[in-house]
Amino acid sequence: MPGSLVTTAWAMDDGAKLYARHCAACHGSRGTGGVGVPLALPDFLAAADDDFLRKTIRLGRPGRVMPAFRQLSDAEVGALVRYIRGWAPAGASGAAIEKSSIKGNAGHGEKLYARYCTACHGVHGEGGHGTGVTFSRPRDLPVLAPALNNPGFLAAASDAMIKITLMRGRRNTPMPSFLRLGLKEQDIDDLVAYVRAFKPETLPDPAPSMADEPPVIERVSPYDMDKTVERLKEAIGAANMRLIRSEVFDRTFSDDGRENRRHVVVDSCDFNFLNQALKIDPRVGLFLPCRFTLSERDGKVSVSTINPKRLSAIFNNSELNRLCDKMHKVYVDILEEATF
């Protein structure tokens, strides 16, 4: 087999594995979207050149769900780009997009943006609210409008890409072709000039790195197991959380009377808080409702729960950081009240 074909086959195979590992959970196994935008849309691939894809993988979207994959090598990023590009229909490659800056009247573009774009992309280009899954967006929308003022987007997207997107639109999404809306090419150039002039959004402080926080919050109780469980229930009630259940950990898979009573779980929830968090990022459902685990070893009872601050860094969603900080304080207060 010629060397070029061997290289292409390796890149596609390696790209597929990298995509499955790093991208499929959000963008779908075949690029059809989910939490992340659909990557296999012909109109997207016609507008997005390889440089845009590379920069997006490298830079991510700070403050949004898309992380920056700085740990990948250049070869791995290239393999991912080639794999994604493989979804493009014949002749739809974005590799040859002109990179020159587009001259336009940003003042006129601002008026056009207010009329045609704010409903989806926000007054300041902040994008749609939420992550994109059906819990946090209208069910008839396949994807939320991206944040145009995001520093990652502004660094990755060329003027030409923005212009092509406005001219073509994105079929099967709410993004229309602005030519079909009656705008002229100069109007579109003016819109590009206005979007390019966006001031990148001001982002809150990033979540602390995972190394800065332990994976669990734990306290040692001065009481025996039964007393600690009762005090924990009282602390949960004092925190305005609803007690869901309290039982021996292995009750469901042990014969009656043979449960290990040195391991107990207590589940609770603040349902108003839960709904707030799910609307921002439904992935918090992976660790909510709250579970406290009590374990007795060598006559000492410890009480522990997962550390929300550790998870905040994993989610890469700046809007969720505030809620994770709040959740961390509630958990610490409950543990300390129960073991005081």
Protein backbone atom coordinates (compact mmCIF):
# COMPACT_ATOMS: atom_id res chain seq x y z
CA MET A 1 0.00 0.00 0.00
CA PRO A 2 1.43 3.45 -0.88
CA GLY A 3 2.75 5.43 2.08
CA SER A 4 0.14 8.18 1.74
CA LEU A 5 -2.69 5.69 1.99
CA VAL A 6 -1.11 4.10 5.05
CA THR A 7 -0.85 7.55 6.68
CA THR A 8 -4.47 8.38 5.83
CA ALA A 9 -5.71 5.05 7.20
CA TRP A 10 -3.71 5.58 10.42
CA ALA A 11 -5.01 9.13 10.85
CA MET A 12 -8.64 8.13 10.39
CA ASP A 13 -8.33 5.18 12.76
CA ASP A 14 -6.44 7.17 15.39
CA GLY A 15 -8.81 10.11 14.96
CA ALA A 16 -11.81 7.86 15.51
CA LYS A 17 -10.35 6.57 18.78
CA LEU A 18 -9.46 10.06 19.96
CA TYR A 19 -12.92 11.34 19.02
CA ALA A 20 -14.62 8.49 20.89
CA ARG A 21 -12.49 9.21 23.96
CA HIS A 22 -12.65 13.00 24.07
CA CYS A 23 -15.56 14.25 21.96
CA ALA A 24 -18.38 11.75 21.46
CA ALA A 25 -19.97 12.22 24.89
CA CYS A 26 -20.91 15.82 24.03
CA HIS A 27 -20.94 15.95 20.22
CA GLY A 28 -22.45 12.52 19.57
CA SER A 29 -20.73 9.37 18.30
CA ARG A 30 -21.40 10.44 14.70
CA GLY A 31 -21.16 14.18 15.20
CA THR A 32 -24.90 14.76 15.37
CA GLY A 33 -24.63 16.84 18.57
CA GLY A 34 -25.98 16.68 22.10
CA VAL A 35 -24.55 18.87 24.84
CA GLY A 36 -22.10 20.03 22.17
CA VAL A 37 -22.89 21.46 18.74
CA PRO A 38 -23.43 19.12 15.77
CA LEU A 39 -20.10 18.76 13.96
CA ALA A 40 -21.35 16.71 11.01
CA LEU A 41 -23.64 19.42 9.61
CA PRO A 42 -22.66 20.00 5.95
CA ASP A 43 -23.07 23.78 6.33
CA PHE A 44 -20.80 23.81 9.38
CA LEU A 45 -18.09 21.80 7.67
CA ALA A 46 -18.34 23.99 4.57
CA ALA A 47 -17.66 27.11 6.66
CA ALA A 48 -15.26 25.78 9.30
CA ASP A 49 -11.73 25.41 7.99
CA ASP A 50 -9.11 23.14 9.52
CA ASP A 51 -7.53 26.08 11.35
CA PHE A 52 -10.84 26.82 13.08
CA LEU A 53 -11.17 23.20 14.18
CA ARG A 54 -7.58 23.07 15.44
CA LYS A 55 -7.91 26.31 17.41
CA THR A 56 -11.26 25.26 18.84
CA ILE A 57 -9.77 22.00 20.10
CA ARG A 58 -6.77 23.82 21.54
CA LEU A 59 -8.54 26.85 23.04
CA GLY A 60 -11.97 25.46 23.86
CA ARG A 61 -14.63 27.95 24.84
CA PRO A 62 -13.60 29.50 28.18
CA GLY A 63 -16.52 29.69 30.57
CA ARG A 64 -18.64 27.33 28.49
CA VAL A 65 -18.78 23.52 28.46
CA MET A 66 -16.18 23.02 25.70
CA PRO A 67 -12.78 22.44 27.38
CA ALA A 68 -9.35 23.30 26.00
CA PHE A 69 -7.53 20.10 25.02
CA ARG A 70 -4.02 21.35 25.72
CA GLN A 71 -2.83 17.88 26.64
CA LEU A 72 -3.19 16.54 23.08
CA SER A 73 -0.18 16.53 20.78
CA ASP A 74 -0.22 18.36 17.44
CA ALA A 75 -0.43 14.98 15.70
CA GLU A 76 -3.46 13.99 17.80
CA VAL A 77 -5.21 17.30 17.11
CA GLY A 78 -4.48 16.83 13.41
CA ALA A 79 -5.92 13.33 13.51
CA LEU A 80 -9.08 14.64 15.18
CA VAL A 81 -9.46 17.37 12.56
CA ARG A 82 -9.08 14.87 9.72
CA TYR A 83 -11.61 12.54 11.32
CA ILE A 84 -14.18 15.34 11.72
CA ARG A 85 -13.47 16.53 8.19
CA GLY A 86 -14.31 13.02 6.98
CA TRP A 87 -18.00 13.73 7.66
CA ALA A 88 -18.06 16.48 5.05
CA PRO A 89 -19.86 15.70 1.77
CA ALA A 90 -17.69 15.62 -1.32
CA GLY A 91 -16.62 19.13 -2.28
CA ALA A 92 -17.68 20.65 1.06
CA SER A 93 -14.21 21.06 2.58
CA GLY A 94 -13.59 24.30 4.42
CA ALA A 95 -9.82 24.03 4.00
CA ALA A 96 -9.54 26.67 1.26
CA ILE A 97 -11.49 29.50 2.93
CA GLU A 98 -9.97 32.94 2.29
CA LYS A 99 -8.37 34.34 5.48
CA SER A 100 -8.25 38.06 4.66
CA SER A 101 -10.06 40.52 6.96
CA ILE A 102 -13.45 41.77 5.85
CA LYS A 103 -14.09 45.50 5.69
CA GLY A 104 -17.50 46.58 6.89
CA ASN A 105 -19.41 49.28 8.71
CA ALA A 106 -19.66 48.08 12.31
CA GLY A 107 -22.18 50.82 13.14
CA HIS A 108 -24.60 49.58 10.50
CA GLY A 109 -23.79 46.01 11.53
CA GLU A 110 -24.87 46.79 15.09
CA LYS A 111 -28.33 47.82 13.85
CA LEU A 112 -28.61 44.66 11.76
CA TYR A 113 -27.45 42.53 14.69
CA ALA A 114 -30.09 44.06 16.97
CA ARG A 115 -32.76 43.21 14.40
CA TYR A 116 -31.70 39.74 13.29
CA CYS A 117 -29.37 38.21 15.87
CA THR A 118 -30.09 39.22 19.47
CA ALA A 119 -33.05 36.86 19.93
CA CYS A 120 -30.72 33.86 19.66
CA HIS A 121 -27.18 35.09 20.32
CA GLY A 122 -27.99 37.69 22.99
CA VAL A 123 -27.65 41.45 23.09
CA HIS A 124 -23.92 41.25 23.79
CA GLY A 125 -23.21 38.02 21.91
CA GLU A 126 -23.40 35.97 25.08
CA GLY A 127 -25.18 33.07 23.39
CA GLY A 128 -27.97 30.80 24.54
CA HIS A 129 -28.41 29.92 28.22
CA GLY A 130 -27.59 26.40 29.37
CA THR A 131 -25.64 23.52 27.90
CA GLY A 132 -27.74 22.39 24.96
CA VAL A 133 -29.32 19.15 26.17
CA THR A 134 -33.10 18.96 26.12
CA PHE A 135 -33.48 19.81 29.82
CA SER A 136 -31.88 23.23 29.31
CA ARG A 137 -33.12 24.25 25.87
CA PRO A 138 -36.43 24.20 24.00
CA ARG A 139 -36.93 20.70 22.68
CA ASP A 140 -37.47 21.88 19.11
CA LEU A 141 -33.95 23.36 18.95
CA PRO A 142 -31.16 20.96 17.96
CA VAL A 143 -28.53 23.23 19.49
CA LEU A 144 -28.29 26.47 21.46
CA ALA A 145 -26.91 29.56 19.78
CA PRO A 146 -23.16 29.82 20.51
CA ALA A 147 -21.57 32.73 22.37
CA LEU A 148 -20.12 35.09 19.76
CA ASN A 149 -18.28 37.18 22.36
CA ASN A 150 -16.38 34.15 23.68
CA PRO A 151 -12.60 34.63 23.48
CA GLY A 152 -12.17 31.08 22.19
CA PHE A 153 -14.63 31.67 19.34
CA LEU A 154 -13.19 35.07 18.42
CA ALA A 155 -9.66 33.62 18.32
CA ALA A 156 -10.66 30.59 16.24
CA ALA A 157 -13.16 32.01 13.73
CA SER A 158 -11.90 33.97 10.73
CA ASP A 159 -13.91 36.82 9.22
CA ALA A 160 -14.51 34.64 6.21
CA MET A 161 -15.95 31.81 8.31
CA ILE A 162 -18.39 34.18 10.01
CA LYS A 163 -19.39 35.61 6.63
CA ILE A 164 -19.93 32.20 5.03
CA THR A 165 -22.03 31.12 8.02
CA LEU A 166 -24.21 34.21 7.67
CA MET A 167 -24.57 33.72 3.93
CA ARG A 168 -25.30 29.98 4.01
CA GLY A 169 -26.96 29.59 7.39
CA ARG A 170 -27.10 26.15 8.98
CA ARG A 171 -29.78 23.94 7.58
CA ASN A 172 -31.73 21.93 10.18
CA THR A 173 -30.91 24.52 12.85
CA PRO A 174 -32.53 27.90 13.70
CA MET A 175 -29.62 29.69 11.93
CA PRO A 176 -30.99 31.08 8.61
CA SER A 177 -29.25 32.20 5.45
CA PHE A 178 -29.12 35.98 5.69
CA LEU A 179 -29.11 36.25 1.91
CA ARG A 180 -32.51 34.55 1.91
CA LEU A 181 -33.67 37.03 4.53
CA GLY A 182 -33.02 39.74 1.96
CA LEU A 183 -29.68 41.12 3.15
CA LYS A 184 -27.04 42.12 0.63
CA GLU A 185 -23.42 40.99 0.78
CA GLN A 186 -22.33 44.41 2.07
CA ASP A 187 -24.88 44.08 4.91
CA ILE A 188 -23.29 40.78 5.83
CA ASP A 189 -19.82 42.36 5.75
CA ASP A 190 -21.15 45.00 8.15
CA LEU A 191 -22.44 42.28 10.48
CA VAL A 192 -19.06 40.55 10.39
CA ALA A 193 -17.36 43.82 11.32
CA TYR A 194 -19.71 44.26 14.28
CA VAL A 195 -19.23 40.69 15.55
CA ARG A 196 -15.46 41.00 15.16
CA ALA A 197 -15.59 44.12 17.35
CA PHE A 198 -17.23 42.25 20.23
CA LYS A 199 -15.42 42.66 23.50
CA PRO A 200 -14.72 39.15 24.82
CA GLU A 201 -17.01 38.28 27.71
CA THR A 202 -15.72 38.91 31.20
CA LEU A 203 -15.38 35.51 32.80
CA PRO A 204 -15.57 34.69 36.48
CA ASP A 205 -12.57 33.21 38.18
CA PRO A 206 -12.00 29.65 36.97
CA ALA A 207 -12.79 26.72 39.21
CA PRO A 208 -9.80 25.58 41.27
CA SER A 209 -7.79 22.80 39.71
CA MET A 210 -8.60 19.27 40.80
CA ALA A 211 -5.25 19.09 42.59
CA ASP A 212 -6.36 21.95 44.87
CA GLU A 213 -9.35 20.09 46.28
CA PRO A 214 -9.76 16.61 47.82
CA PRO A 215 -12.26 14.36 46.02
CA VAL A 216 -14.37 13.99 49.17
CA ILE A 217 -15.24 16.04 52.25
CA GLU A 218 -14.85 13.95 55.40
CA ARG A 219 -15.26 14.42 59.14
CA VAL A 220 -14.67 11.99 62.03
CA SER A 221 -17.53 11.71 64.51
CA PRO A 222 -17.07 11.50 68.29
CA TYR A 223 -20.29 9.46 68.47
CA ASP A 224 -21.23 5.87 67.68
CA MET A 225 -22.92 4.97 64.39
CA ASP A 226 -26.56 5.29 65.55
CA LYS A 227 -25.97 8.64 67.24
CA THR A 228 -24.04 9.97 64.24
CA VAL A 229 -26.84 8.98 61.86
CA GLU A 230 -29.41 10.76 64.02
CA ARG A 231 -27.30 13.90 64.29
CA LEU A 232 -26.72 13.85 60.51
CA LYS A 233 -30.48 13.67 59.89
CA GLU A 234 -31.01 16.65 62.21
CA ALA A 235 -28.29 18.63 60.43
CA ILE A 236 -29.85 17.85 57.05
CA GLY A 237 -33.22 19.14 58.27
CA ALA A 238 -31.61 22.28 59.71
CA ALA A 239 -30.09 22.96 56.26
CA ASN A 240 -33.60 22.88 54.73
CA MET A 241 -32.81 19.72 52.79
CA ARG A 242 -35.27 16.87 52.49
CA LEU A 243 -34.25 13.47 53.83
CA ILE A 244 -34.75 10.87 51.11
CA ARG A 245 -33.55 7.69 52.76
CA SER A 246 -31.22 6.26 55.40
CA GLU A 247 -30.19 2.63 55.21
CA VAL A 248 -27.37 0.14 55.51
CA PHE A 249 -25.25 0.31 52.38
CA ASP A 250 -25.52 -3.35 51.39
CA ARG A 251 -29.19 -3.86 52.32
CA THR A 252 -30.30 -4.46 48.73
CA PHE A 253 -27.86 -7.32 48.12
CA SER A 254 -27.58 -8.99 51.54
CA ASP A 255 -29.85 -11.43 53.28
CA ASP A 256 -32.01 -9.97 56.05
CA GLY A 257 -30.09 -9.78 59.30
CA ARG A 258 -26.70 -10.14 57.63
CA GLU A 259 -26.19 -6.54 56.52
CA ASN A 260 -22.95 -4.81 57.42
CA ARG A 261 -24.17 -2.13 59.80
CA ARG A 262 -20.77 -0.42 59.86
CA HIS A 263 -21.58 1.18 56.48
CA VAL A 264 -24.64 3.42 56.18
CA VAL A 265 -25.80 5.80 53.44
CA VAL A 266 -28.04 8.83 53.97
CA ASP A 267 -29.49 10.53 50.87
CA SER A 268 -30.99 14.02 50.92
CA CYS A 269 -31.83 16.84 48.53
CA ASP A 270 -32.76 20.50 48.22
CA PHE A 271 -35.03 20.16 45.19
CA ASN A 272 -35.13 23.88 44.37
CA PHE A 273 -31.35 23.92 44.29
CA LEU A 274 -31.32 20.73 42.23
CA ASN A 275 -33.55 22.29 39.56
CA GLN A 276 -31.34 25.39 39.39
CA ALA A 277 -28.23 23.29 38.90
CA LEU A 278 -29.81 20.98 36.32
CA LYS A 279 -30.95 23.93 34.21
CA ILE A 280 -27.37 25.23 34.10
CA ASP A 281 -25.71 21.88 33.47
CA PRO A 282 -27.65 18.60 33.55
CA ARG A 283 -24.44 16.66 34.17
CA VAL A 284 -24.72 17.58 37.86
CA GLY A 285 -27.29 14.80 37.97
CA LEU A 286 -24.30 12.47 38.18
CA PHE A 287 -23.76 13.47 41.81
CA LEU A 288 -27.16 14.75 42.94
CA PRO A 289 -29.14 14.16 45.13
CA CYS A 290 -26.58 14.43 47.92
CA ARG A 291 -25.30 11.20 49.48
CA PHE A 292 -23.55 11.04 52.82
CA THR A 293 -21.63 7.85 53.57
CA LEU A 294 -20.95 6.75 57.13
CA SER A 295 -18.28 4.14 57.82
CA GLU A 296 -17.10 2.63 61.11
CA ARG A 297 -13.48 1.48 61.33
CA ASP A 298 -11.58 0.59 64.48
CA GLY A 299 -14.38 2.04 66.60
CA LYS A 300 -14.33 5.41 64.82
CA VAL A 301 -17.21 6.64 62.64
CA SER A 302 -16.42 8.87 59.67
CA VAL A 303 -18.94 10.80 57.57
CA SER A 304 -18.08 11.78 53.99
CA THR A 305 -19.62 13.15 50.82
CA ILE A 306 -18.38 14.06 47.37
CA ASN A 307 -16.64 17.44 47.00
CA PRO A 308 -18.61 19.69 44.60
CA LYS A 309 -15.57 21.95 44.04
CA ARG A 310 -13.63 19.01 42.62
CA LEU A 311 -16.46 18.33 40.18
CA SER A 312 -16.80 21.99 39.23
CA ALA A 313 -13.35 21.88 37.63
CA ILE A 314 -14.29 18.78 35.64
CA PHE A 315 -17.44 20.36 34.18
CA ASN A 316 -15.65 23.48 32.88
CA ASN A 317 -18.85 25.50 33.23
CA SER A 318 -18.13 28.83 34.92
CA GLU A 319 -21.81 29.46 35.65
CA LEU A 320 -21.84 26.27 37.69
CA ASN A 321 -18.86 27.33 39.84
CA ARG A 322 -21.00 29.56 42.05
CA LEU A 323 -23.49 26.78 42.76
CA CYS A 324 -20.70 24.29 43.45
CA ASP A 325 -19.18 26.72 45.96
CA LYS A 326 -22.57 27.10 47.61
CA MET A 327 -23.09 23.33 47.66
CA HIS A 328 -19.64 22.83 49.19
CA LYS A 329 -20.47 25.19 52.06
CA VAL A 330 -23.79 23.45 52.73
CA TYR A 331 -22.10 20.03 52.81
CA VAL A 332 -19.35 21.24 55.16
CA ASP A 333 -21.90 22.85 57.50
CA ILE A 334 -23.94 19.64 57.63
CA LEU A 335 -20.89 17.45 58.32
CA GLU A 336 -19.57 19.75 61.02
CA GLU A 337 -22.97 20.08 62.71
CA ALA A 338 -23.38 16.30 62.69
CA THR A 339 -19.95 15.64 64.21
CA PHE A 340 -19.71 18.61 66.61
